[in-house]
């Protein structure tokens, strides 16, 4: 997992903690942040569950495209 991912998740968790106010705007922002954290966790689970002998075609194509421009 990239360090920027960990840092972004940490910042989102801190923001959700700060937004504990009773007003509706704080609740809405907190809900958005919590859903974003949940999506990040889902993405991490999907990435981690891929067996090592399976090729990620999207990543392969991106590497191939990048190699053409270098």
N, C-alpha and C. Protein backbone atom coordinates (compact mmCIF):
# COMPACT_ATOMS: atom_id res chain seq x y z
N UNK A 1 0.85 -1.17 0.00
CA UNK A 1 0.00 0.00 0.00
C UNK A 1 0.90 1.24 0.00
N UNK A 2 0.66 2.17 -0.94
CA UNK A 2 1.51 3.36 -1.03
C UNK A 2 1.39 4.24 0.22
N UNK A 3 2.48 4.90 0.60
CA UNK A 3 2.43 5.75 1.79
C UNK A 3 1.44 6.91 1.64
N UNK A 4 1.24 7.39 0.41
CA UNK A 4 0.28 8.48 0.22
C UNK A 4 -1.14 8.02 0.51
N UNK A 5 -1.43 6.75 0.21
CA UNK A 5 -2.75 6.19 0.52
C UNK A 5 -2.97 6.17 2.02
N UNK A 6 -1.97 5.70 2.75
CA UNK A 6 -2.06 5.63 4.21
C UNK A 6 -2.23 7.04 4.79
N UNK A 7 -1.47 7.98 4.28
CA UNK A 7 -1.55 9.35 4.76
C UNK A 7 -2.92 9.97 4.46
N UNK A 8 -3.43 9.74 3.25
CA UNK A 8 -4.75 10.28 2.89
C UNK A 8 -5.84 9.69 3.78
N UNK A 9 -5.77 8.40 4.03
CA UNK A 9 -6.76 7.75 4.89
C UNK A 9 -6.68 8.30 6.31
N UNK A 10 -5.49 8.52 6.79
CA UNK A 10 -5.29 9.08 8.13
C UNK A 10 -5.89 10.48 8.22
N UNK A 11 -5.67 11.29 7.21
CA UNK A 11 -6.22 12.65 7.21
C UNK A 11 -7.75 12.62 7.19
N UNK A 12 -8.31 11.71 6.41
CA UNK A 12 -9.77 11.60 6.37
C UNK A 12 -10.33 11.17 7.72
N UNK A 13 -9.67 10.25 8.38
CA UNK A 13 -10.12 9.82 9.70
C UNK A 13 -10.06 10.97 10.70
N UNK A 14 -9.01 11.76 10.64
CA UNK A 14 -8.90 12.92 11.53
C UNK A 14 -10.00 13.94 11.24
N UNK A 15 -10.28 14.16 9.95
CA UNK A 15 -11.34 15.12 9.59
C UNK A 15 -12.70 14.63 10.08
N UNK A 16 -12.96 13.34 9.97
CA UNK A 16 -14.23 12.80 10.46
C UNK A 16 -14.35 12.97 11.97
N UNK A 17 -13.24 12.84 12.68
CA UNK A 17 -13.24 13.03 14.13
C UNK A 17 -13.52 14.48 14.49
N UNK A 18 -12.93 15.39 13.73
CA UNK A 18 -13.13 16.82 13.99
C UNK A 18 -14.59 17.22 13.75
N UNK A 19 -15.21 16.61 12.75
CA UNK A 19 -16.59 16.98 12.38
C UNK A 19 -17.61 16.23 13.24
N UNK A 20 -17.57 16.42 14.52
CA UNK A 20 -18.52 15.77 15.42
C UNK A 20 -19.64 16.72 15.84
N UNK A 21 -19.76 17.87 15.18
CA UNK A 21 -20.76 18.85 15.53
C UNK A 21 -22.18 18.35 15.27
N UNK A 22 -23.15 18.93 15.96
CA UNK A 22 -24.53 18.47 15.83
C UNK A 22 -25.26 19.05 14.61
N UNK A 23 -24.67 20.04 13.95
CA UNK A 23 -25.38 20.67 12.83
C UNK A 23 -25.38 19.75 11.61
N UNK A 24 -26.32 19.99 10.72
CA UNK A 24 -26.51 19.09 9.57
C UNK A 24 -25.33 19.13 8.60
N UNK A 25 -24.69 20.26 8.46
CA UNK A 25 -23.54 20.36 7.57
C UNK A 25 -22.38 19.48 8.05
N UNK A 26 -22.11 19.52 9.33
CA UNK A 26 -21.06 18.67 9.88
C UNK A 26 -21.39 17.20 9.70
N UNK A 27 -22.65 16.84 9.93
CA UNK A 27 -23.06 15.44 9.76
C UNK A 27 -22.91 15.00 8.30
N UNK A 28 -23.30 15.86 7.37
CA UNK A 28 -23.18 15.52 5.95
C UNK A 28 -21.72 15.34 5.55
N UNK A 29 -20.88 16.26 5.97
CA UNK A 29 -19.45 16.13 5.65
C UNK A 29 -18.84 14.89 6.29
N UNK A 30 -19.21 14.62 7.53
CA UNK A 30 -18.70 13.42 8.22
C UNK A 30 -19.15 12.16 7.48
N UNK A 31 -20.40 12.13 7.02
CA UNK A 31 -20.90 10.97 6.28
C UNK A 31 -20.13 10.78 4.97
N UNK A 32 -19.88 11.88 4.27
CA UNK A 32 -19.11 11.79 3.02
C UNK A 32 -17.72 11.24 3.30
N UNK A 33 -17.08 11.74 4.32
CA UNK A 33 -15.73 11.29 4.66
C UNK A 33 -15.74 9.82 5.05
N UNK A 34 -16.72 9.42 5.86
CA UNK A 34 -16.79 8.01 6.29
C UNK A 34 -17.05 7.09 5.11
N UNK A 35 -17.88 7.51 4.16
CA UNK A 35 -18.11 6.69 2.96
C UNK A 35 -16.85 6.60 2.11
N UNK A 36 -16.11 7.70 2.02
CA UNK A 36 -14.86 7.69 1.27
C UNK A 36 -13.86 6.73 1.90
N UNK A 37 -13.76 6.75 3.21
CA UNK A 37 -12.86 5.82 3.91
C UNK A 37 -13.29 4.38 3.64
N UNK A 38 -14.60 4.14 3.66
CA UNK A 38 -15.11 2.80 3.36
C UNK A 38 -14.76 2.36 1.95
N UNK A 39 -14.87 3.26 0.99
CA UNK A 39 -14.50 2.93 -0.38
C UNK A 39 -13.01 2.64 -0.50
N UNK A 40 -12.20 3.40 0.23
CA UNK A 40 -10.76 3.17 0.22
C UNK A 40 -10.45 1.79 0.80
N UNK A 41 -11.15 1.42 1.87
CA UNK A 41 -10.95 0.10 2.47
C UNK A 41 -11.36 -1.01 1.51
N UNK A 42 -12.48 -0.80 0.79
CA UNK A 42 -12.92 -1.80 -0.18
C UNK A 42 -11.89 -1.98 -1.28
N UNK A 43 -11.34 -0.87 -1.77
CA UNK A 43 -10.33 -0.93 -2.81
C UNK A 43 -9.09 -1.68 -2.31
N UNK A 44 -8.72 -1.42 -1.08
CA UNK A 44 -7.55 -2.09 -0.51
C UNK A 44 -7.81 -3.60 -0.41
N UNK A 45 -9.01 -4.00 -0.01
CA UNK A 45 -9.34 -5.43 0.09
C UNK A 45 -9.30 -6.09 -1.27
N UNK A 46 -9.84 -5.42 -2.30
CA UNK A 46 -9.82 -5.98 -3.65
C UNK A 46 -8.40 -6.15 -4.15
N UNK A 47 -7.58 -5.16 -3.91
CA UNK A 47 -6.19 -5.22 -4.36
C UNK A 47 -5.43 -6.32 -3.62
N UNK A 48 -5.67 -6.43 -2.33
CA UNK A 48 -4.95 -7.41 -1.53
C UNK A 48 -5.40 -8.84 -1.83
N UNK A 49 -6.64 -9.02 -2.28
CA UNK A 49 -7.14 -10.37 -2.49
C UNK A 49 -6.74 -10.96 -3.83
N UNK A 50 -6.12 -10.18 -4.72
CA UNK A 50 -5.71 -10.70 -6.02
C UNK A 50 -4.50 -11.61 -5.85
N UNK A 51 -4.61 -12.85 -6.32
CA UNK A 51 -3.46 -13.77 -6.21
C UNK A 51 -2.27 -13.24 -6.98
N UNK A 52 -1.10 -13.63 -6.55
CA UNK A 52 0.12 -13.11 -7.16
C UNK A 52 0.32 -13.61 -8.58
N UNK A 53 -0.28 -14.72 -8.94
CA UNK A 53 -0.08 -15.26 -10.29
C UNK A 53 -1.11 -14.74 -11.29
N UNK A 54 -1.88 -13.72 -10.91
CA UNK A 54 -2.88 -13.13 -11.79
C UNK A 54 -2.36 -11.78 -12.27
N UNK A 55 -2.44 -11.57 -13.57
CA UNK A 55 -1.96 -10.34 -14.17
C UNK A 55 -3.07 -9.29 -14.17
N UNK A 56 -2.77 -8.11 -13.69
CA UNK A 56 -3.70 -6.99 -13.73
C UNK A 56 -3.53 -6.33 -15.11
N UNK A 57 -4.49 -6.57 -16.00
CA UNK A 57 -4.36 -6.09 -17.37
C UNK A 57 -4.33 -4.57 -17.46
N UNK A 58 -5.10 -3.90 -16.63
CA UNK A 58 -5.10 -2.43 -16.66
C UNK A 58 -3.73 -1.88 -16.29
N UNK A 59 -3.12 -2.45 -15.27
CA UNK A 59 -1.78 -2.01 -14.86
C UNK A 59 -0.75 -2.35 -15.94
N UNK A 60 -0.90 -3.52 -16.55
CA UNK A 60 0.01 -3.92 -17.61
C UNK A 60 -0.08 -2.96 -18.79
N UNK A 61 -1.29 -2.63 -19.21
CA UNK A 61 -1.48 -1.70 -20.33
C UNK A 61 -0.92 -0.32 -20.00
N UNK A 62 -1.12 0.12 -18.77
CA UNK A 62 -0.59 1.43 -18.37
C UNK A 62 0.93 1.44 -18.42
N UNK A 63 1.54 0.35 -17.96
CA UNK A 63 3.02 0.26 -18.03
C UNK A 63 3.50 0.22 -19.47
N UNK A 64 2.79 -0.49 -20.33
CA UNK A 64 3.17 -0.58 -21.74
C UNK A 64 3.06 0.79 -22.40
N UNK A 65 1.97 1.50 -22.12
CA UNK A 65 1.78 2.83 -22.71
C UNK A 65 2.86 3.79 -22.22
N UNK A 66 3.20 3.70 -20.95
CA UNK A 66 4.24 4.56 -20.40
C UNK A 66 5.59 4.24 -21.02
N UNK A 67 5.86 2.97 -21.24
CA UNK A 67 7.13 2.57 -21.81
C UNK A 67 7.30 3.07 -23.24
N UNK A 68 6.21 3.19 -23.98
CA UNK A 68 6.28 3.70 -25.35
C UNK A 68 6.72 5.15 -25.40
N UNK A 69 6.34 5.91 -24.36
CA UNK A 69 6.65 7.34 -24.36
C UNK A 69 8.00 7.66 -23.74
N UNK A 70 8.67 6.68 -23.22
CA UNK A 70 9.98 6.93 -22.59
C UNK A 70 11.10 6.81 -23.57
